[in-house]
PDB file of N, CA and C in Angstrom:
ATOM      1  N   MET A   1       6.340   3.463  -3.541  1.00  0.00           N
ATOM      2  CA  MET A   1       6.495   1.897  -3.613  1.00  0.00           C
ATOM      3  C   MET A   1       6.926   1.485  -4.840  1.00  0.00           C
ATOM      4  N   HIS A   2       7.186   2.419  -5.927  1.00  0.00           N
ATOM      5  CA  HIS A   2       7.613   2.193  -7.257  1.00  0.00           C
ATOM      6  C   HIS A   2       9.013   1.596  -7.155  1.00  0.00           C
ATOM      7  N   GLU A   3       9.789   1.778  -6.038  1.00  0.00           N
ATOM      8  CA  GLU A   3      11.093   1.192  -5.833  1.00  0.00           C
ATOM      9  C   GLU A   3      10.971  -0.398  -6.161  1.00  0.00           C
ATOM     10  N   LEU A   4       9.962  -0.854  -5.636  1.00  0.00           N
ATOM     11  CA  LEU A   4       9.732  -2.459  -5.919  1.00  0.00           C
ATOM     12  C   LEU A   4       9.978  -2.787  -7.301  1.00  0.00           C
ATOM     13  N   SER A   5       9.148  -2.244  -8.230  1.00  0.00           N
ATOM     14  CA  SER A   5       9.204  -2.499  -9.722  1.00  0.00           C
ATOM     15  C   SER A   5      10.541  -2.162 -10.176  1.00  0.00           C
ATOM     16  N   VAL A   6      11.297  -1.081  -9.903  1.00  0.00           N
ATOM     17  CA  VAL A   6      12.539  -0.822 -10.341  1.00  0.00           C
ATOM     18  C   VAL A   6      13.596  -1.680  -9.857  1.00  0.00           C
ATOM     19  N   THR A   7      13.557  -2.133  -8.601  1.00  0.00           N
ATOM     20  CA  THR A   7      14.381  -3.191  -8.025  1.00  0.00           C
ATOM     21  C   THR A   7      14.219  -4.493  -8.748  1.00  0.00           C
ATOM     22  N   GLU A   8      13.019  -4.826  -8.996  1.00  0.00           N
ATOM     23  CA  GLU A   8      12.770  -6.100  -9.719  1.00  0.00           C
ATOM     24  C   GLU A   8      13.435  -5.984 -11.132  1.00  0.00           C
ATOM     25  N   ALA A   9      13.435  -4.967 -11.828  1.00  0.00           N
ATOM     26  CA  ALA A   9      13.986  -4.828 -13.048  1.00  0.00           C
ATOM     27  C   ALA A   9      15.445  -4.839 -13.112  1.00  0.00           C
ATOM     28  N   ILE A  10      16.066  -4.193 -12.045  1.00  0.00           N
ATOM     29  CA  ILE A  10      17.606  -4.301 -11.781  1.00  0.00           C
ATOM     30  C   ILE A  10      17.995  -5.685 -11.541  1.00  0.00           C
ATOM     31  N   LEU A  11      17.286  -6.343 -10.643  1.00  0.00           N
ATOM     32  CA  LEU A  11      17.801  -7.710 -10.276  1.00  0.00           C
ATOM     33  C   LEU A  11      17.624  -8.731 -11.550  1.00  0.00           C
ATOM     34  N   LYS A  12      16.563  -8.580 -12.221  1.00  0.00           N
ATOM     35  CA  LYS A  12      16.252  -9.425 -13.471  1.00  0.00           C
ATOM     36  C   LYS A  12      17.474  -9.151 -14.389  1.00  0.00           C
ATOM     37  N   THR A  13      17.845  -7.929 -14.618  1.00  0.00           N
ATOM     38  CA  THR A  13      18.945  -7.484 -15.607  1.00  0.00           C
ATOM     39  C   THR A  13      20.228  -8.134 -15.084  1.00  0.00           C
ATOM     40  N   VAL A  14      20.552  -7.874 -13.785  1.00  0.00           N
ATOM     41  CA  VAL A  14      21.903  -8.510 -13.267  1.00  0.00           C
ATOM     42  C   VAL A  14      22.049 -10.001 -13.228  1.00  0.00           C
ATOM     43  N   LEU A  15      20.845 -10.534 -12.956  1.00  0.00           N
ATOM     44  CA  LEU A  15      20.840 -11.993 -12.970  1.00  0.00           C
ATOM     45  C   LEU A  15      21.017 -12.610 -14.328  1.00  0.00           C
ATOM     46  N   LYS A  16      20.327 -11.946 -15.476  1.00  0.00           N
ATOM     47  CA  LYS A  16      20.641 -12.406 -16.765  1.00  0.00           C
ATOM     48  C   LYS A  16      22.087 -12.242 -17.181  1.00  0.00           C
ATOM     49  N   HIS A  17      22.726 -11.141 -16.863  1.00  0.00           N
ATOM     50  CA  HIS A  17      24.116 -10.822 -17.165  1.00  0.00           C
ATOM     51  C   HIS A  17      25.034 -11.968 -16.373  1.00  0.00           C
ATOM     52  N   ALA A  18      24.615 -12.250 -15.182  1.00  0.00           N
ATOM     53  CA  ALA A  18      25.375 -13.218 -14.344  1.00  0.00           C
ATOM     54  C   ALA A  18      25.329 -14.639 -14.950  1.00  0.00           C
ATOM     55  N   ALA A  19      24.207 -14.877 -15.466  1.00  0.00           N
ATOM     56  CA  ALA A  19      23.983 -16.255 -16.037  1.00  0.00           C
ATOM     57  C   ALA A  19      24.871 -16.344 -17.407  1.00  0.00           C
ATOM     58  N   VAL A  20      24.724 -15.395 -18.236  1.00  0.00           N
ATOM     59  CA  VAL A  20      25.475 -15.301 -19.430  1.00  0.00           C
ATOM     60  C   VAL A  20      27.076 -15.503 -19.238  1.00  0.00           C
ATOM     61  N   ASN A  21      27.514 -14.993 -18.088  1.00  0.00           N
ATOM     62  CA  ASN A  21      28.956 -14.746 -17.815  1.00  0.00           C
ATOM     63  C   ASN A  21      29.376 -15.838 -16.658  1.00  0.00           C
ATOM     64  N   SER A  22      28.579 -16.788 -16.473  1.00  0.00           N
ATOM     65  CA  SER A  22      28.955 -17.855 -15.513  1.00  0.00           C
ATOM     66  C   SER A  22      29.378 -17.345 -14.085  1.00  0.00           C
ATOM     67  N   VAL A  23      28.729 -16.383 -13.586  1.00  0.00           N
ATOM     68  CA  VAL A  23      28.953 -15.656 -12.343  1.00  0.00           C
ATOM     69  C   VAL A  23      28.539 -16.538 -11.266  1.00  0.00           C
ATOM     70  N   HIS A  24      29.304 -16.768 -10.201  1.00  0.00           N
ATOM     71  CA  HIS A  24      28.882 -17.659  -9.051  1.00  0.00           C
ATOM     72  C   HIS A  24      28.368 -16.698  -7.916  1.00  0.00           C
ATOM     73  N   LYS A  25      28.820 -15.385  -7.805  1.00  0.00           N
ATOM     74  CA  LYS A  25      28.312 -14.671  -6.782  1.00  0.00           C
ATOM     75  C   LYS A  25      28.364 -13.193  -7.127  1.00  0.00           C
ATOM     76  N   ILE A  26      27.352 -12.356  -7.069  1.00  0.00           N
ATOM     77  CA  ILE A  26      27.478 -10.842  -7.212  1.00  0.00           C
ATOM     78  C   ILE A  26      27.680 -10.282  -5.872  1.00  0.00           C
ATOM     79  N   LEU A  27      28.893  -9.535  -5.995  1.00  0.00           N
ATOM     80  CA  LEU A  27      29.206  -8.787  -4.603  1.00  0.00           C
ATOM     81  C   LEU A  27      28.675  -7.489  -4.464  1.00  0.00           C
ATOM     82  N   SER A  28      28.632  -6.651  -5.515  1.00  0.00           N
ATOM     83  CA  SER A  28      28.038  -5.367  -5.538  1.00  0.00           C
ATOM     84  C   SER A  28      27.499  -4.931  -6.901  1.00  0.00           C
ATOM     85  N   ILE A  29      26.745  -4.015  -6.884  1.00  0.00           N
ATOM     86  CA  ILE A  29      26.091  -3.429  -8.212  1.00  0.00           C
ATOM     87  C   ILE A  29      26.183  -1.918  -7.982  1.00  0.00           C
ATOM     88  N   SER A  30      26.869  -1.198  -9.031  1.00  0.00           N
ATOM     89  CA  SER A  30      26.895   0.211  -9.075  1.00  0.00           C
ATOM     90  C   SER A  30      25.774   0.678  -9.895  1.00  0.00           C
ATOM     91  N   LEU A  31      25.009   1.586  -9.301  1.00  0.00           N
ATOM     92  CA  LEU A  31      23.853   2.191 -10.046  1.00  0.00           C
ATOM     93  C   LEU A  31      24.059   3.803 -10.140  1.00  0.00           C
ATOM     94  N   GLN A  32      23.571   4.308 -11.146  1.00  0.00           N
ATOM     95  CA  GLN A  32      23.581   5.909 -11.330  1.00  0.00           C
ATOM     96  C   GLN A  32      22.059   6.135 -11.379  1.00  0.00           C
ATOM     97  N   ILE A  33      21.613   7.067 -10.428  1.00  0.00           N
ATOM     98  CA  ILE A  33      20.314   7.402 -10.398  1.00  0.00           C
ATOM     99  C   ILE A  33      20.194   8.903 -10.459  1.00  0.00           C
ATOM    100  N   SER A  34      19.355   9.582 -11.146  1.00  0.00           N
ATOM    101  CA  SER A  34      19.197  10.967 -11.327  1.00  0.00           C
ATOM    102  C   SER A  34      18.834  11.515  -9.956  1.00  0.00           C
ATOM    103  N   LYS A  35      19.360  12.809  -9.785  1.00  0.00           N
ATOM    104  CA  LYS A  35      18.838  13.524  -8.565  1.00  0.00           C
ATOM    105  C   LYS A  35      17.477  13.889  -8.536  1.00  0.00           C
ATOM    106  N   LEU A  36      16.925  13.962  -9.818  1.00  0.00           N
ATOM    107  CA  LEU A  36      15.466  14.396  -9.936  1.00  0.00           C
ATOM    108  C   LEU A  36      14.524  13.108  -9.631  1.00  0.00           C
ATOM    109  N   SER A  37      15.125  11.897  -9.781  1.00  0.00           N
ATOM    110  CA  SER A  37      14.352  10.666  -9.351  1.00  0.00           C
ATOM    111  C   SER A  37      13.866  10.789  -7.984  1.00  0.00           C
ATOM    112  N   ASP A  38      12.785  10.232  -7.652  1.00  0.00           N
ATOM    113  CA  ASP A  38      12.268  10.157  -6.191  1.00  0.00           C
ATOM    114  C   ASP A  38      12.613   8.739  -5.645  1.00  0.00           C
ATOM    115  N   LEU A  39      13.347   7.978  -6.312  1.00  0.00           N
ATOM    116  CA  LEU A  39      13.656   6.656  -5.792  1.00  0.00           C
ATOM    117  C   LEU A  39      14.417   6.814  -4.456  1.00  0.00           C
ATOM    118  N   GLU A  40      14.266   6.121  -3.459  1.00  0.00           N
ATOM    119  CA  GLU A  40      15.001   6.177  -2.199  1.00  0.00           C
ATOM    120  C   GLU A  40      15.857   5.044  -2.078  1.00  0.00           C
ATOM    121  N   ASP A  41      17.246   5.514  -1.856  1.00  0.00           N
ATOM    122  CA  ASP A  41      18.307   4.600  -1.811  1.00  0.00           C
ATOM    123  C   ASP A  41      18.056   3.373  -0.766  1.00  0.00           C
ATOM    124  N   ASN A  42      17.493   3.707   0.361  1.00  0.00           N
ATOM    125  CA  ASN A  42      17.340   2.625   1.277  1.00  0.00           C
ATOM    126  C   ASN A  42      16.321   1.552   1.000  1.00  0.00           C
ATOM    127  N   TRP A  43      15.333   2.117   0.340  1.00  0.00           N
ATOM    128  CA  TRP A  43      14.222   1.339  -0.066  1.00  0.00           C
ATOM    129  C   TRP A  43      14.547   0.312  -1.210  1.00  0.00           C
ATOM    130  N   ILE A  44      15.419   0.871  -2.200  1.00  0.00           N
ATOM    131  CA  ILE A  44      15.909  -0.039  -3.206  1.00  0.00           C
ATOM    132  C   ILE A  44      16.721  -1.108  -2.638  1.00  0.00           C
ATOM    133  N   GLN A  45      17.701  -0.829  -1.691  1.00  0.00           N
ATOM    134  CA  GLN A  45      18.505  -1.826  -1.108  1.00  0.00           C
ATOM    135  C   GLN A  45      17.614  -2.804  -0.377  1.00  0.00           C
ATOM    136  N   ARG A  46      16.721  -2.380   0.465  1.00  0.00           N
ATOM    137  CA  ARG A  46      15.824  -3.304   1.200  1.00  0.00           C
ATOM    138  C   ARG A  46      14.961  -4.146   0.312  1.00  0.00           C
ATOM    139  N   TYR A  47      14.481  -3.693  -0.833  1.00  0.00           N
ATOM    140  CA  TYR A  47      13.810  -4.673  -1.772  1.00  0.00           C
ATOM    141  C   TYR A  47      14.712  -5.501  -2.461  1.00  0.00           C
ATOM    142  N   PHE A  48      15.887  -5.116  -2.825  1.00  0.00           N
ATOM    143  CA  PHE A  48      16.934  -5.896  -3.380  1.00  0.00           C
ATOM    144  C   PHE A  48      17.255  -6.995  -2.474  1.00  0.00           C
ATOM    145  N   ASP A  49      17.578  -6.686  -1.148  1.00  0.00           N
ATOM    146  CA  ASP A  49      17.843  -7.797  -0.318  1.00  0.00           C
ATOM    147  C   ASP A  49      16.831  -8.857  -0.216  1.00  0.00           C
ATOM    148  N   TYR A  50      15.560  -8.427  -0.169  1.00  0.00           N
ATOM    149  CA  TYR A  50      14.419  -9.362  -0.214  1.00  0.00           C
ATOM    150  C   TYR A  50      14.314 -10.220  -1.402  1.00  0.00           C
ATOM    151  N   LEU A  51      14.243  -9.513  -2.546  1.00  0.00           N
ATOM    152  CA  LEU A  51      13.937 -10.175  -3.859  1.00  0.00           C
ATOM    153  C   LEU A  51      15.252 -10.987  -4.201  1.00  0.00           C
ATOM    154  N   SER A  52      16.381 -10.904  -3.819  1.00  0.00           N
ATOM    155  CA  SER A  52      17.576 -11.532  -4.253  1.00  0.00           C
ATOM    156  C   SER A  52      17.896 -12.767  -3.343  1.00  0.00           C
ATOM    157  N   LYS A  53      17.024 -12.943  -2.389  1.00  0.00           N
ATOM    158  CA  LYS A  53      17.309 -14.185  -1.494  1.00  0.00           C
ATOM    159  C   LYS A  53      17.397 -15.351  -2.456  1.00  0.00           C
ATOM    160  N   ASP A  54      18.183 -16.313  -2.153  1.00  0.00           N
ATOM    161  CA  ASP A  54      18.341 -17.549  -2.939  1.00  0.00           C
ATOM    162  C   ASP A  54      18.813 -17.314  -4.413  1.00  0.00           C
ATOM    163  N   THR A  55      19.510 -16.395  -4.638  1.00  0.00           N
ATOM    164  CA  THR A  55      19.980 -16.068  -5.912  1.00  0.00           C
ATOM    165  C   THR A  55      21.549 -15.806  -5.842  1.00  0.00           C
ATOM    166  N   VAL A  56      22.250 -15.619  -6.857  1.00  0.00           N
ATOM    167  CA  VAL A  56      23.706 -15.368  -6.849  1.00  0.00           C
ATOM    168  C   VAL A  56      23.904 -13.855  -6.335  1.00  0.00           C
ATOM    169  N   ALA A  57      22.768 -13.060  -6.486  1.00  0.00           N
ATOM    170  CA  ALA A  57      22.888 -11.703  -5.953  1.00  0.00           C
ATOM    171  C   ALA A  57      22.604 -11.496  -4.489  1.00  0.00           C
ATOM    172  N   ALA A  58      22.294 -12.553  -3.771  1.00  0.00           N
ATOM    173  CA  ALA A  58      21.965 -12.494  -2.253  1.00  0.00           C
ATOM    174  C   ALA A  58      23.160 -11.769  -1.527  1.00  0.00           C
ATOM    175  N   GLY A  59      22.757 -10.739  -0.771  1.00  0.00           N
ATOM    176  CA  GLY A  59      23.857 -10.008  -0.046  1.00  0.00           C
ATOM    177  C   GLY A  59      24.628  -9.013  -0.820  1.00  0.00           C
ATOM    178  N   ALA A  60      24.295  -8.779  -2.077  1.00  0.00           N
ATOM    179  CA  ALA A  60      24.993  -7.908  -2.880  1.00  0.00           C
ATOM    180  C   ALA A  60      24.802  -6.466  -2.358  1.00  0.00           C
ATOM    181  N   LEU A  61      25.769  -5.523  -2.313  1.00  0.00           N
ATOM    182  CA  LEU A  61      25.647  -4.203  -1.898  1.00  0.00           C
ATOM    183  C   LEU A  61      25.332  -3.346  -3.113  1.00  0.00           C
ATOM    184  N   LEU A  62      24.238  -2.492  -2.989  1.00  0.00           N
ATOM    185  CA  LEU A  62      24.179  -1.463  -4.133  1.00  0.00           C
ATOM    186  C   LEU A  62      24.735  -0.300  -3.841  1.00  0.00           C
ATOM    187  N   LYS A  63      25.723   0.103  -4.714  1.00  0.00           N
ATOM    188  CA  LYS A  63      26.415   1.348  -4.701  1.00  0.00           C
ATOM    189  C   LYS A  63      25.844   2.414  -5.495  1.00  0.00           C
ATOM    190  N   ILE A  64      25.008   3.319  -4.886  1.00  0.00           N
ATOM    191  CA  ILE A  64      24.260   4.194  -5.635  1.00  0.00           C
ATOM    192  C   ILE A  64      24.815   5.669  -5.657  1.00  0.00           C
ATOM    193  N   GLU A  65      25.085   6.088  -6.956  1.00  0.00           N
ATOM    194  CA  GLU A  65      25.545   7.397  -7.074  1.00  0.00           C
ATOM    195  C   GLU A  65      24.524   8.287  -7.751  1.00  0.00           C
ATOM    196  N   ARG A  66      24.239   9.437  -7.220  1.00  0.00           N
ATOM    197  CA  ARG A  66      23.190  10.346  -7.722  1.00  0.00           C
ATOM    198  C   ARG A  66      23.795  11.275  -8.880  1.00  0.00           C
ATOM    199  N   LEU A  67      23.199  11.147 -10.012  1.00  0.00           N
ATOM    200  CA  LEU A  67      23.634  11.873 -11.130  1.00  0.00           C
ATOM    201  C   LEU A  67      23.146  13.477 -11.146  1.00  0.00           C
ATOM    202  N   PRO A  68      23.862  14.362 -11.452  1.00  0.00           N
ATOM    203  CA  PRO A  68      23.458  15.751 -11.435  1.00  0.00           C
ATOM    204  C   PRO A  68      22.293  15.980 -12.347  1.00  0.00           C
ATOM    205  N   LEU A  69      21.516  16.997 -12.032  1.00  0.00           N
ATOM    206  CA  LEU A  69      20.315  17.377 -12.842  1.00  0.00           C
ATOM    207  C   LEU A  69      20.823  18.322 -13.922  1.00  0.00           C
ATOM    208  N   LEU A  70      20.594  18.086 -15.056  1.00  0.00           N
ATOM    209  CA  LEU A  70      21.101  18.790 -16.169  1.00  0.00           C
ATOM    210  C   LEU A  70      19.981  19.628 -16.933  1.00  0.00           C
ATOM    211  N   VAL A  71      20.241  20.890 -17.462  1.00  0.00           N
ATOM    212  CA  VAL A  71      19.266  21.705 -18.116  1.00  0.00           C
ATOM    213  C   VAL A  71      19.991  22.179 -19.224  1.00  0.00           C
ATOM    214  N   ARG A  72      19.216  22.408 -20.395  1.00  0.00           N
ATOM    215  CA  ARG A  72      19.780  22.835 -21.580  1.00  0.00           C
ATOM    216  C   ARG A  72      19.178  24.277 -21.875  1.00  0.00           C
ATOM    217  N   CYS A  73      20.053  25.258 -22.120  1.00  0.00           N
ATOM    218  CA  CYS A  73      19.567  26.705 -22.410  1.00  0.00           C
ATOM    219  C   CYS A  73      18.918  26.661 -23.792  1.00  0.00           C
ATOM    220  N   GLU A  74      17.844  27.233 -23.863  1.00  0.00           N
ATOM    221  CA  GLU A  74      17.055  27.387 -25.139  1.00  0.00           C
ATOM    222  C   GLU A  74      17.663  28.460 -26.063  1.00  0.00           C
ATOM    223  N   GLY A  75      18.491  29.325 -25.610  1.00  0.00           N
ATOM    224  CA  GLY A  75      19.208  30.425 -26.364  1.00  0.00           C
ATOM    225  C   GLY A  75      20.354  29.899 -26.961  1.00  0.00           C
ATOM    226  N   CYS A  76      21.328  29.281 -26.228  1.00  0.00           N
ATOM    227  CA  CYS A  76      22.720  28.954 -26.814  1.00  0.00           C
ATOM    228  C   CYS A  76      22.816  27.453 -26.939  1.00  0.00           C
ATOM    229  N   ALA A  77      21.844  26.773 -26.349  1.00  0.00           N
ATOM    230  CA  ALA A  77      21.787  25.320 -26.423  1.00  0.00           C
ATOM    231  C   ALA A  77      22.941  24.658 -25.651  1.00  0.00           C
ATOM    232  N   LYS A  78      23.671  25.218 -24.660  1.00  0.00           N
ATOM    233  CA  LYS A  78      24.559  24.670 -23.750  1.00  0.00           C
ATOM    234  C   LYS A  78      23.736  24.040 -22.626  1.00  0.00           C
ATOM    235  N   SER A  79      24.364  22.970 -22.092  1.00  0.00           N
ATOM    236  CA  SER A  79      23.886  22.247 -20.929  1.00  0.00           C
ATOM    237  C   SER A  79      24.577  22.676 -19.628  1.00  0.00           C
ATOM    238  N   PHE A  80      23.984  22.645 -18.592  1.00  0.00           N
ATOM    239  CA  PHE A  80      24.671  22.891 -17.315  1.00  0.00           C
ATOM    240  C   PHE A  80      23.922  22.314 -16.149  1.00  0.00           C
ATOM    241  N   GLU A  81      24.729  21.954 -15.124  1.00  0.00           N
ATOM    242  CA  GLU A  81      24.110  21.374 -13.948  1.00  0.00           C
ATOM    243  C   GLU A  81      23.326  22.275 -13.162  1.00  0.00           C
ATOM    244  N   THR A  82      22.380  21.823 -12.195  1.00  0.00           N
ATOM    245  CA  THR A  82      21.625  22.639 -11.403  1.00  0.00           C
ATOM    246  C   THR A  82      21.050  21.739 -10.284  1.00  0.00           C
ATOM    247  N   GLU A  83      20.505  22.210  -9.175  1.00  0.00           N
ATOM    248  CA  GLU A  83      19.923  21.563  -8.207  1.00  0.00           C
ATOM    249  C   GLU A  83      18.334  21.611  -8.376  1.00  0.00           C
ATOM    250  N   PRO A  84      17.634  20.601  -7.820  1.00  0.00           N
ATOM    251  CA  PRO A  84      16.194  20.613  -8.015  1.00  0.00           C
ATOM    252  C   PRO A  84      15.637  21.811  -7.396  1.00  0.00           C
ATOM    253  N   ALA A  85      16.164  22.392  -6.274  1.00  0.00           N
ATOM    254  CA  ALA A  85      15.514  23.603  -5.723  1.00  0.00           C
ATOM    255  C   ALA A  85      15.673  24.736  -6.434  1.00  0.00           C
ATOM    256  N   ASP A  86      16.538  24.839  -7.504  1.00  0.00           N
ATOM    257  CA  ASP A  86      16.786  26.092  -8.239  1.00  0.00           C
ATOM    258  C   ASP A  86      16.034  26.025  -9.598  1.00  0.00           C
ATOM    259  N   ILE A  87      15.235  25.028  -9.850  1.00  0.00           N
ATOM    260  CA  ILE A  87      14.602  24.832 -11.163  1.00  0.00           C
ATOM    261  C   ILE A  87      13.795  26.107 -11.663  1.00  0.00           C
ATOM    262  N   GLY A  88      13.105  26.740 -10.723  1.00  0.00           N
ATOM    263  CA  GLY A  88      12.378  27.942 -11.164  1.00  0.00           C
ATOM    264  C   GLY A  88      13.096  29.155 -11.357  1.00  0.00           C
ATOM    265  N   ASN A  89      14.410  29.279 -10.937  1.00  0.00           N
ATOM    266  CA  ASN A  89      15.166  30.518 -10.989  1.00  0.00           C
ATOM    267  C   ASN A  89      16.490  30.307 -11.814  1.00  0.00           C
ATOM    268  N   MET A  90      16.492  29.581 -12.783  1.00  0.00           N
ATOM    269  CA  MET A  90      17.782  29.388 -13.462  1.00  0.00           C
ATOM    270  C   MET A  90      18.076  30.381 -14.600  1.00  0.00           C
ATOM    271  N   VAL A  91      19.274  30.720 -14.710  1.00  0.00           N
ATOM    272  CA  VAL A  91      19.810  31.509 -15.721  1.00  0.00           C
ATOM    273  C   VAL A  91      21.023  30.881 -16.362  1.00  0.00           C
ATOM    274  N   CYS A  92      21.121  30.832 -17.622  1.00  0.00           N
ATOM    275  CA  CYS A  92      22.191  30.208 -18.327  1.00  0.00           C
ATOM    276  C   CYS A  92      23.497  30.816 -17.903  1.00  0.00           C
ATOM    277  N   PRO A  93      24.474  30.229 -17.342  1.00  0.00           N
ATOM    278  CA  PRO A  93      25.766  30.870 -16.958  1.00  0.00           C
ATOM    279  C   PRO A  93      26.598  31.328 -18.203  1.00  0.00           C
ATOM    280  N   SER A  94      26.197  30.781 -19.398  1.00  0.00           N
ATOM    281  CA  SER A  94      26.923  31.082 -20.712  1.00  0.00           C
ATOM    282  C   SER A  94      26.327  32.287 -21.365  1.00  0.00           C
ATOM    283  N   CYS A  95      25.055  32.530 -21.399  1.00  0.00           N
ATOM    284  CA  CYS A  95      24.544  33.608 -22.243  1.00  0.00           C
ATOM    285  C   CYS A  95      23.561  34.470 -21.360  1.00  0.00           C
ATOM    286  N   GLY A  96      23.160  34.020 -20.176  1.00  0.00           N
ATOM    287  CA  GLY A  96      22.280  34.790 -19.451  1.00  0.00           C
ATOM    288  C   GLY A  96      20.791  34.586 -19.673  1.00  0.00           C
ATOM    289  N   GLU A  97      20.474  33.751 -20.611  1.00  0.00           N
ATOM    290  CA  GLU A  97      19.034  33.380 -21.022  1.00  0.00           C
ATOM    291  C   GLU A  97      18.371  32.717 -19.832  1.00  0.00           C
ATOM    292  N   LYS A  98      17.050  33.098 -19.740  1.00  0.00           N
ATOM    293  CA  LYS A  98      16.326  32.413 -18.596  1.00  0.00           C
ATOM    294  C   LYS A  98      15.454  31.314 -19.098  1.00  0.00           C
ATOM    295  N   LYS A  99      15.243  31.090 -20.366  1.00  0.00           N
ATOM    296  CA  LYS A  99      14.651  29.915 -20.888  1.00  0.00           C
ATOM    297  C   LYS A  99      15.472  28.711 -20.976  1.00  0.00           C
ATOM    298  N   VAL A 100      15.184  27.870 -20.146  1.00  0.00           N
ATOM    299  CA  VAL A 100      15.908  26.528 -20.085  1.00  0.00           C
ATOM    300  C   VAL A 100      14.954  25.383 -20.011  1.00  0.00           C
ATOM    301  N   ALA A 101      15.421  24.143 -20.334  1.00  0.00           N
ATOM    302  CA  ALA A 101      14.584  23.059 -20.439  1.00  0.00           C
ATOM    303  C   ALA A 101      15.287  21.829 -19.657  1.00  0.00           C
ATOM    304  N   LEU A 102      14.651  21.139 -18.902  1.00  0.00           N
ATOM    305  CA  LEU A 102      15.173  20.037 -18.326  1.00  0.00           C
ATOM    306  C   LEU A 102      15.619  18.978 -19.356  1.00  0.00           C
ATOM    307  N   VAL A 103      16.739  18.512 -19.172  1.00  0.00           N
ATOM    308  CA  VAL A 103      17.193  17.213 -19.920  1.00  0.00           C
ATOM    309  C   VAL A 103      16.696  16.132 -19.133  1.00  0.00           C
ATOM    310  N   PRO A 104      15.942  15.291 -19.859  1.00  0.00           N
ATOM    311  CA  PRO A 104      15.341  14.020 -19.358  1.00  0.00           C
ATOM    312  C   PRO A 104      16.285  13.387 -18.310  1.00  0.00           C
ATOM    313  N   GLY A 105      15.766  13.223 -17.073  1.00  0.00           N
ATOM    314  CA  GLY A 105      16.701  12.633 -16.082  1.00  0.00           C
ATOM    315  C   GLY A 105      16.028  12.005 -14.940  1.00  0.00           C
ATOM    316  N   LYS A 106      14.985  11.231 -14.995  1.00  0.00           N
ATOM    317  CA  LYS A 106      14.591  10.402 -13.999  1.00  0.00           C
ATOM    318  C   LYS A 106      14.998   9.022 -14.028  1.00  0.00           C
ATOM    319  N   GLN A 107      15.961   8.655 -14.996  1.00  0.00           N
ATOM    320  CA  GLN A 107      16.403   7.422 -15.216  1.00  0.00           C
ATOM    321  C   GLN A 107      17.263   6.868 -14.117  1.00  0.00           C
ATOM    322  N   TYR A 108      17.594   5.617 -14.329  1.00  0.00           N
ATOM    323  CA  TYR A 108      18.544   4.955 -13.522  1.00  0.00           C
ATOM    324  C   TYR A 108      19.356   4.093 -14.466  1.00  0.00           C
ATOM    325  N   ILE A 109      20.737   3.839 -14.102  1.00  0.00           N
ATOM    326  CA  ILE A 109      21.539   3.134 -15.017  1.00  0.00           C
ATOM    327  C   ILE A 109      22.277   2.075 -14.083  1.00  0.00           C
ATOM    328  N   ILE A 110      22.282   0.933 -14.628  1.00  0.00           N
ATOM    329  CA  ILE A 110      23.208  -0.036 -14.000  1.00  0.00           C
ATOM    330  C   ILE A 110      24.674   0.158 -14.520  1.00  0.00           C
ATOM    331  N   LYS A 111      25.561   0.677 -13.746  1.00  0.00           N
ATOM    332  CA  LYS A 111      26.716   0.973 -14.409  1.00  0.00           C
ATOM    333  C   LYS A 111      27.687  -0.256 -14.561  1.00  0.00           C
ATOM    334  N   ASN A 112      27.725  -1.015 -13.367  1.00  0.00           N
ATOM    335  CA  ASN A 112      28.533  -2.292 -13.384  1.00  0.00           C
ATOM    336  C   ASN A 112      28.297  -3.244 -12.352  1.00  0.00           C
ATOM    337  N   MET A 113      28.774  -4.269 -12.266  1.00  0.00           N
ATOM    338  CA  MET A 113      28.669  -5.134 -10.945  1.00  0.00           C
ATOM    339  C   MET A 113      29.957  -5.861 -10.713  1.00  0.00           C
ATOM    340  N   GLU A 114      30.203  -6.034  -9.492  1.00  0.00           N
ATOM    341  CA  GLU A 114      31.437  -6.719  -9.069  1.00  0.00           C
ATOM    342  C   GLU A 114      30.891  -8.274  -8.808  1.00  0.00           C
ATOM    343  N   ALA A 115      31.530  -9.157  -9.432  1.00  0.00           N
ATOM    344  CA  ALA A 115      31.176 -10.550  -9.293  1.00  0.00           C
ATOM    345  C   ALA A 115      32.406 -11.496  -9.269  1.00  0.00           C
ATOM    346  N   VAL A 116      32.143 -12.748  -8.736  1.00  0.00           N
ATOM    347  CA  VAL A 116      33.243 -13.776  -8.862  1.00  0.00           C
ATOM    348  C   VAL A 116      32.550 -15.109  -9.448  1.00  0.00           C
TER     349      VAL A 116
END
């Protein structure tokens, strides 16, 4: 249910930018969310639809892009993409080192919004 608080923060941010830029209607919002995040796309949209009623964001479509999971090799310091299921069995493709660390990635980013 933490999607609710995240969605509230997204709405608050886009409404603030809409007011500053004299926006009459927000049509869509592009979000980037890490694959590691457990936020559910459909719940974010549902909460957004509910919370944005009677605002310039009412009816806006959330375009959600999942960002790849990044890890950094502790041997050569190079970063590479992986999948959550592979976290326990990773080997650096550059140097073969097995010690890798997750690059922080549970975040979400408001990339842009389409508005009139």
